[in-house]
Amino acid sequence: MRNKKLLLLIISGAVLAVILFAFGASRLNKSQPEETEIILYYGDICPHCAEVEEYIIENNVKEKVNLQEKEVYHNKENLNELIKKAEICQIPAGSLTVPFLWDGKTCHADPAEIINFFNQKTSQL
């Protein structure tokens, strides 16, 4: 009889521990927003890229958005990465231009479209 009570106590404690762990994990996931991969591909002497960069600086976008910037004229690895992102959006390599923004799901290849994306993203904060 005593062994049954001890076993019941251990099982009850284990079930309670699992419930508390699951509840804590779900609260932790809700409190931490999911980070989105946002990458701006640019060329170092590209005038349209400079226009987007000016907007980013003037509007403190990097303080509000987790943004990576990758130069593609002199960095072949970054260029290959850009080509892979464009393929996801079904943009042929021969049609690629910079600036080019990957927001984690979608490609944006027009400077005005990129600036509009940052406008919308920062106004949601």
N, C-alpha and C. Protein backbone atom coordinates (compact mmCIF):
# COMPACT_ATOMS: atom_id res chain seq x y z
N MET A 1 0.82 -1.19 0.00
CA MET A 1 0.00 0.00 0.00
C MET A 1 0.87 1.26 0.00
N ARG A 2 1.90 1.22 0.82
CA ARG A 2 2.79 2.38 0.91
C ARG A 2 3.50 2.62 -0.41
N ASN A 3 3.89 1.55 -1.12
CA ASN A 3 4.56 1.68 -2.42
C ASN A 3 3.62 2.29 -3.46
N LYS A 4 2.33 1.93 -3.40
CA LYS A 4 1.36 2.50 -4.33
C LYS A 4 1.20 4.00 -4.12
N LYS A 5 1.16 4.43 -2.85
CA LYS A 5 1.05 5.87 -2.56
C LYS A 5 2.29 6.61 -3.04
N LEU A 6 3.46 6.02 -2.83
CA LEU A 6 4.71 6.64 -3.27
C LEU A 6 4.74 6.74 -4.79
N LEU A 7 4.35 5.68 -5.46
CA LEU A 7 4.31 5.68 -6.93
C LEU A 7 3.32 6.71 -7.44
N LEU A 8 2.16 6.80 -6.84
CA LEU A 8 1.16 7.79 -7.22
C LEU A 8 1.68 9.21 -7.01
N LEU A 9 2.38 9.44 -5.92
CA LEU A 9 2.97 10.74 -5.65
C LEU A 9 4.02 11.11 -6.68
N ILE A 10 4.85 10.17 -7.07
CA ILE A 10 5.90 10.41 -8.07
C ILE A 10 5.27 10.71 -9.43
N ILE A 11 4.28 9.93 -9.82
CA ILE A 11 3.61 10.15 -11.11
C ILE A 11 2.90 11.50 -11.12
N SER A 12 2.22 11.85 -10.03
CA SER A 12 1.53 13.14 -9.95
C SER A 12 2.53 14.29 -10.05
N GLY A 13 3.66 14.14 -9.38
CA GLY A 13 4.70 15.17 -9.44
C GLY A 13 5.27 15.33 -10.84
N ALA A 14 5.47 14.20 -11.53
CA ALA A 14 5.99 14.25 -12.89
C ALA A 14 4.99 14.92 -13.83
N VAL A 15 3.72 14.59 -13.69
CA VAL A 15 2.68 15.20 -14.54
C VAL A 15 2.62 16.70 -14.28
N LEU A 16 2.66 17.10 -13.03
CA LEU A 16 2.65 18.52 -12.68
C LEU A 16 3.87 19.24 -13.27
N ALA A 17 5.03 18.60 -13.19
CA ALA A 17 6.24 19.21 -13.74
C ALA A 17 6.12 19.40 -15.25
N VAL A 18 5.59 18.42 -15.95
CA VAL A 18 5.41 18.53 -17.40
C VAL A 18 4.43 19.66 -17.74
N ILE A 19 3.34 19.76 -17.00
CA ILE A 19 2.35 20.81 -17.25
C ILE A 19 2.97 22.20 -17.02
N LEU A 20 3.69 22.35 -15.93
CA LEU A 20 4.33 23.64 -15.64
C LEU A 20 5.38 23.98 -16.69
N PHE A 21 6.14 23.00 -17.12
CA PHE A 21 7.16 23.24 -18.15
C PHE A 21 6.50 23.68 -19.46
N ALA A 22 5.44 22.97 -19.87
CA ALA A 22 4.74 23.31 -21.11
C ALA A 22 4.14 24.71 -21.03
N PHE A 23 3.55 25.06 -19.91
CA PHE A 23 2.97 26.39 -19.74
C PHE A 23 4.05 27.47 -19.82
N GLY A 24 5.17 27.24 -19.15
CA GLY A 24 6.27 28.20 -19.17
C GLY A 24 6.86 28.36 -20.56
N ALA A 25 7.01 27.26 -21.29
CA ALA A 25 7.57 27.33 -22.65
C ALA A 25 6.64 28.09 -23.58
N SER A 26 5.33 27.87 -23.45
CA SER A 26 4.40 28.58 -24.33
C SER A 26 4.40 30.08 -24.03
N ARG A 27 4.52 30.46 -22.78
CA ARG A 27 4.59 31.89 -22.43
C ARG A 27 5.87 32.51 -22.95
N LEU A 28 6.97 31.78 -22.89
CA LEU A 28 8.26 32.28 -23.38
C LEU A 28 8.19 32.53 -24.87
N ASN A 29 7.61 31.61 -25.62
CA ASN A 29 7.49 31.76 -27.07
C ASN A 29 6.63 32.95 -27.45
N LYS A 30 5.59 33.24 -26.70
CA LYS A 30 4.72 34.37 -27.00
C LYS A 30 5.37 35.70 -26.68
N SER A 31 6.27 35.71 -25.70
CA SER A 31 6.87 36.98 -25.30
C SER A 31 8.03 37.39 -26.19
N GLN A 32 8.56 36.47 -26.97
CA GLN A 32 9.69 36.78 -27.84
C GLN A 32 9.23 36.77 -29.29
N PRO A 33 9.21 37.95 -29.94
CA PRO A 33 8.77 37.99 -31.32
C PRO A 33 9.74 37.23 -32.22
N GLU A 34 9.20 36.64 -33.26
CA GLU A 34 10.03 35.90 -34.19
C GLU A 34 10.84 36.88 -35.03
N GLU A 35 12.14 36.66 -35.11
CA GLU A 35 13.00 37.52 -35.90
C GLU A 35 12.88 37.13 -37.37
N THR A 36 12.75 38.10 -38.22
CA THR A 36 12.67 37.87 -39.64
C THR A 36 14.00 38.25 -40.26
N GLU A 37 14.44 37.43 -41.18
CA GLU A 37 15.69 37.69 -41.89
C GLU A 37 15.43 38.75 -42.95
N ILE A 38 16.00 39.94 -42.76
CA ILE A 38 15.88 41.02 -43.73
C ILE A 38 17.29 41.35 -44.21
N ILE A 39 17.50 41.20 -45.51
CA ILE A 39 18.82 41.43 -46.07
C ILE A 39 18.70 42.41 -47.23
N LEU A 40 19.53 43.44 -47.18
CA LEU A 40 19.61 44.40 -48.28
C LEU A 40 20.91 44.13 -49.03
N TYR A 41 20.80 43.75 -50.29
CA TYR A 41 21.97 43.54 -51.15
C TYR A 41 22.18 44.83 -51.91
N TYR A 42 23.44 45.26 -51.98
CA TYR A 42 23.73 46.55 -52.61
C TYR A 42 25.08 46.48 -53.31
N GLY A 43 25.31 47.48 -54.15
CA GLY A 43 26.61 47.68 -54.80
C GLY A 43 27.21 48.95 -54.26
N ASP A 44 28.53 48.94 -54.06
CA ASP A 44 29.16 50.09 -53.39
C ASP A 44 29.17 51.38 -54.20
N ILE A 45 28.97 51.32 -55.50
CA ILE A 45 28.91 52.57 -56.28
C ILE A 45 27.57 52.74 -56.98
N CYS A 46 26.56 52.08 -56.49
CA CYS A 46 25.23 52.10 -57.08
C CYS A 46 24.46 53.33 -56.57
N PRO A 47 24.02 54.23 -57.46
CA PRO A 47 23.31 55.44 -57.01
C PRO A 47 21.96 55.13 -56.37
N HIS A 48 21.24 54.13 -56.86
CA HIS A 48 19.95 53.78 -56.26
C HIS A 48 20.15 53.16 -54.88
N CYS A 49 21.25 52.44 -54.72
CA CYS A 49 21.58 51.87 -53.41
C CYS A 49 21.87 52.99 -52.42
N ALA A 50 22.56 54.02 -52.89
CA ALA A 50 22.87 55.17 -52.03
C ALA A 50 21.59 55.87 -51.58
N GLU A 51 20.60 55.93 -52.46
CA GLU A 51 19.31 56.53 -52.12
C GLU A 51 18.64 55.75 -50.98
N VAL A 52 18.65 54.43 -51.08
CA VAL A 52 18.05 53.59 -50.04
C VAL A 52 18.85 53.71 -48.75
N GLU A 53 20.17 53.71 -48.86
CA GLU A 53 21.03 53.82 -47.68
C GLU A 53 20.80 55.15 -46.96
N GLU A 54 20.63 56.21 -47.73
CA GLU A 54 20.34 57.52 -47.14
C GLU A 54 19.05 57.47 -46.34
N TYR A 55 18.02 56.84 -46.90
CA TYR A 55 16.76 56.69 -46.18
C TYR A 55 16.96 55.90 -44.88
N ILE A 56 17.72 54.82 -44.96
CA ILE A 56 17.97 53.97 -43.79
C ILE A 56 18.63 54.78 -42.68
N ILE A 57 19.62 55.59 -43.05
CA ILE A 57 20.34 56.39 -42.06
C ILE A 57 19.44 57.48 -41.48
N GLU A 58 18.76 58.23 -42.35
CA GLU A 58 17.94 59.35 -41.90
C GLU A 58 16.77 58.91 -41.02
N ASN A 59 16.31 57.69 -41.20
CA ASN A 59 15.15 57.21 -40.46
C ASN A 59 15.50 56.17 -39.39
N ASN A 60 16.78 56.05 -39.09
CA ASN A 60 17.25 55.13 -38.06
C ASN A 60 16.67 53.72 -38.20
N VAL A 61 16.59 53.24 -39.41
CA VAL A 61 15.98 51.94 -39.68
C VAL A 61 16.72 50.82 -38.96
N LYS A 62 18.04 50.89 -38.91
CA LYS A 62 18.82 49.81 -38.29
C LYS A 62 18.56 49.70 -36.79
N GLU A 63 18.10 50.76 -36.18
CA GLU A 63 17.76 50.71 -34.75
C GLU A 63 16.39 50.07 -34.53
N LYS A 64 15.58 50.03 -35.58
CA LYS A 64 14.21 49.54 -35.46
C LYS A 64 13.99 48.17 -36.09
N VAL A 65 14.86 47.82 -37.03
CA VAL A 65 14.69 46.59 -37.82
C VAL A 65 15.99 45.82 -37.80
N ASN A 66 15.89 44.50 -37.65
CA ASN A 66 17.07 43.65 -37.72
C ASN A 66 17.45 43.50 -39.20
N LEU A 67 18.39 44.31 -39.64
CA LEU A 67 18.75 44.42 -41.06
C LEU A 67 20.21 44.04 -41.26
N GLN A 68 20.43 43.18 -42.25
CA GLN A 68 21.80 42.88 -42.69
C GLN A 68 21.99 43.55 -44.05
N GLU A 69 23.18 44.07 -44.28
CA GLU A 69 23.49 44.66 -45.58
C GLU A 69 24.68 43.91 -46.17
N LYS A 70 24.55 43.52 -47.45
CA LYS A 70 25.59 42.72 -48.08
C LYS A 70 25.94 43.30 -49.44
N GLU A 71 27.20 43.65 -49.60
CA GLU A 71 27.72 44.21 -50.85
C GLU A 71 27.95 43.08 -51.85
N VAL A 72 27.52 43.28 -53.11
CA VAL A 72 27.59 42.21 -54.10
C VAL A 72 28.54 42.47 -55.26
N TYR A 73 29.00 43.68 -55.46
CA TYR A 73 29.91 43.95 -56.59
C TYR A 73 31.28 43.31 -56.36
N HIS A 74 31.75 43.33 -55.13
CA HIS A 74 33.10 42.84 -54.83
C HIS A 74 33.10 41.58 -53.99
N ASN A 75 31.94 41.08 -53.63
CA ASN A 75 31.86 39.90 -52.78
C ASN A 75 31.05 38.82 -53.50
N LYS A 76 31.77 37.85 -54.06
CA LYS A 76 31.14 36.80 -54.86
C LYS A 76 30.19 35.94 -54.02
N GLU A 77 30.53 35.69 -52.78
CA GLU A 77 29.68 34.89 -51.89
C GLU A 77 28.32 35.58 -51.70
N ASN A 78 28.36 36.90 -51.46
CA ASN A 78 27.11 37.65 -51.31
C ASN A 78 26.31 37.66 -52.61
N LEU A 79 27.00 37.76 -53.75
CA LEU A 79 26.33 37.74 -55.05
C LEU A 79 25.63 36.40 -55.27
N ASN A 80 26.31 35.31 -54.96
CA ASN A 80 25.70 33.99 -55.11
C ASN A 80 24.49 33.83 -54.20
N GLU A 81 24.57 34.38 -53.01
CA GLU A 81 23.44 34.35 -52.08
C GLU A 81 22.26 35.15 -52.64
N LEU A 82 22.56 36.31 -53.22
CA LEU A 82 21.53 37.14 -53.84
C LEU A 82 20.84 36.37 -54.98
N ILE A 83 21.61 35.69 -55.79
CA ILE A 83 21.06 34.92 -56.90
C ILE A 83 20.12 33.84 -56.38
N LYS A 84 20.49 33.18 -55.30
CA LYS A 84 19.63 32.14 -54.71
C LYS A 84 18.32 32.72 -54.20
N LYS A 85 18.40 33.89 -53.55
CA LYS A 85 17.17 34.54 -53.07
C LYS A 85 16.28 34.93 -54.25
N ALA A 86 16.87 35.44 -55.31
CA ALA A 86 16.10 35.83 -56.49
C ALA A 86 15.43 34.63 -57.13
N GLU A 87 16.11 33.49 -57.13
CA GLU A 87 15.52 32.27 -57.68
C GLU A 87 14.24 31.88 -56.92
N ILE A 88 14.25 32.09 -55.61
CA ILE A 88 13.05 31.80 -54.81
C ILE A 88 11.87 32.63 -55.32
N CYS A 89 12.16 33.86 -55.72
CA CYS A 89 11.10 34.75 -56.23
C CYS A 89 10.93 34.63 -57.74
N GLN A 90 11.59 33.66 -58.33
CA GLN A 90 11.52 33.40 -59.77
C GLN A 90 11.99 34.60 -60.60
N ILE A 91 13.04 35.26 -60.12
CA ILE A 91 13.66 36.35 -60.86
C ILE A 91 14.93 35.80 -61.49
N PRO A 92 15.04 35.83 -62.82
CA PRO A 92 16.24 35.29 -63.48
C PRO A 92 17.49 36.11 -63.13
N ALA A 93 18.62 35.43 -63.02
CA ALA A 93 19.87 36.09 -62.67
C ALA A 93 20.18 37.25 -63.61
N GLY A 94 19.83 37.12 -64.88
CA GLY A 94 20.09 38.18 -65.86
C GLY A 94 19.25 39.43 -65.65
N SER A 95 18.22 39.33 -64.83
CA SER A 95 17.34 40.47 -64.57
C SER A 95 17.61 41.12 -63.22
N LEU A 96 18.60 40.65 -62.51
CA LEU A 96 18.87 41.17 -61.16
C LEU A 96 19.44 42.58 -61.20
N THR A 97 18.96 43.39 -60.28
CA THR A 97 19.51 44.72 -60.08
C THR A 97 19.64 44.95 -58.58
N VAL A 98 20.45 45.90 -58.23
CA VAL A 98 20.54 46.33 -56.84
C VAL A 98 20.09 47.77 -56.78
N PRO A 99 19.53 48.19 -55.66
CA PRO A 99 19.36 47.46 -54.42
C PRO A 99 18.32 46.36 -54.56
N PHE A 100 18.48 45.34 -53.73
CA PHE A 100 17.61 44.18 -53.74
C PHE A 100 17.38 43.80 -52.29
N LEU A 101 16.13 43.72 -51.89
CA LEU A 101 15.80 43.42 -50.49
C LEU A 101 15.11 42.07 -50.40
N TRP A 102 15.58 41.24 -49.51
CA TRP A 102 14.94 39.96 -49.17
C TRP A 102 14.36 40.13 -47.77
N ASP A 103 13.06 39.98 -47.62
CA ASP A 103 12.42 40.19 -46.31
C ASP A 103 12.13 38.89 -45.57
N GLY A 104 12.71 37.81 -46.03
CA GLY A 104 12.49 36.51 -45.41
C GLY A 104 11.51 35.66 -46.19
N LYS A 105 10.72 36.30 -47.04
CA LYS A 105 9.72 35.59 -47.85
C LYS A 105 9.63 36.14 -49.27
N THR A 106 9.84 37.45 -49.39
CA THR A 106 9.56 38.16 -50.63
C THR A 106 10.77 38.97 -51.07
N CYS A 107 10.87 39.16 -52.38
CA CYS A 107 11.93 39.98 -52.95
C CYS A 107 11.38 41.36 -53.29
N HIS A 108 12.20 42.38 -53.06
CA HIS A 108 11.86 43.76 -53.42
C HIS A 108 13.06 44.30 -54.19
N ALA A 109 12.82 44.74 -55.45
CA ALA A 109 13.95 45.13 -56.28
C ALA A 109 13.91 46.58 -56.74
N ASP A 110 12.92 47.31 -56.35
CA ASP A 110 12.79 48.71 -56.74
C ASP A 110 13.09 49.59 -55.53
N PRO A 111 13.94 50.64 -55.68
CA PRO A 111 14.27 51.48 -54.53
C PRO A 111 13.04 52.04 -53.81
N ALA A 112 12.04 52.51 -54.56
CA ALA A 112 10.83 53.05 -53.93
C ALA A 112 10.08 51.96 -53.18
N GLU A 113 10.05 50.76 -53.72
CA GLU A 113 9.39 49.63 -53.06
C GLU A 113 10.13 49.26 -51.76
N ILE A 114 11.46 49.32 -51.80
CA ILE A 114 12.27 49.00 -50.62
C ILE A 114 12.02 50.05 -49.53
N ILE A 115 12.02 51.31 -49.91
CA ILE A 115 11.78 52.39 -48.95
C ILE A 115 10.37 52.26 -48.37
N ASN A 116 9.40 51.93 -49.21
CA ASN A 116 8.03 51.72 -48.74
C ASN A 116 7.98 50.55 -47.74
N PHE A 117 8.72 49.48 -48.03
CA PHE A 117 8.78 48.35 -47.11
C PHE A 117 9.28 48.80 -45.74
N PHE A 118 10.35 49.58 -45.73
CA PHE A 118 10.90 50.07 -44.44
C PHE A 118 9.92 51.02 -43.76
N ASN A 119 9.23 51.85 -44.52
CA ASN A 119 8.19 52.73 -43.95
C ASN A 119 7.15 51.91 -43.22
N GLN A 120 6.64 50.89 -43.87
CA GLN A 120 5.61 50.05 -43.27
C GLN A 120 6.16 49.29 -42.06
N LYS A 121 7.35 48.74 -42.20
CA LYS A 121 7.93 47.93 -41.13
C LYS A 121 8.17 48.78 -39.87
N THR A 122 8.70 49.99 -40.04
CA THR A 122 9.00 50.83 -38.88
C THR A 122 7.76 51.48 -38.29
N SER A 123 6.71 51.67 -39.09
CA SER A 123 5.49 52.27 -38.54
C SER A 123 4.70 51.25 -37.71
N GLN A 124 4.99 49.97 -37.85
CA GLN A 124 4.31 48.94 -37.08
C GLN A 124 4.88 48.84 -35.68
N LEU A 125 6.03 49.45 -35.45
CA LEU A 125 6.69 49.34 -34.13
C LEU A 125 6.14 50.30 -33.12
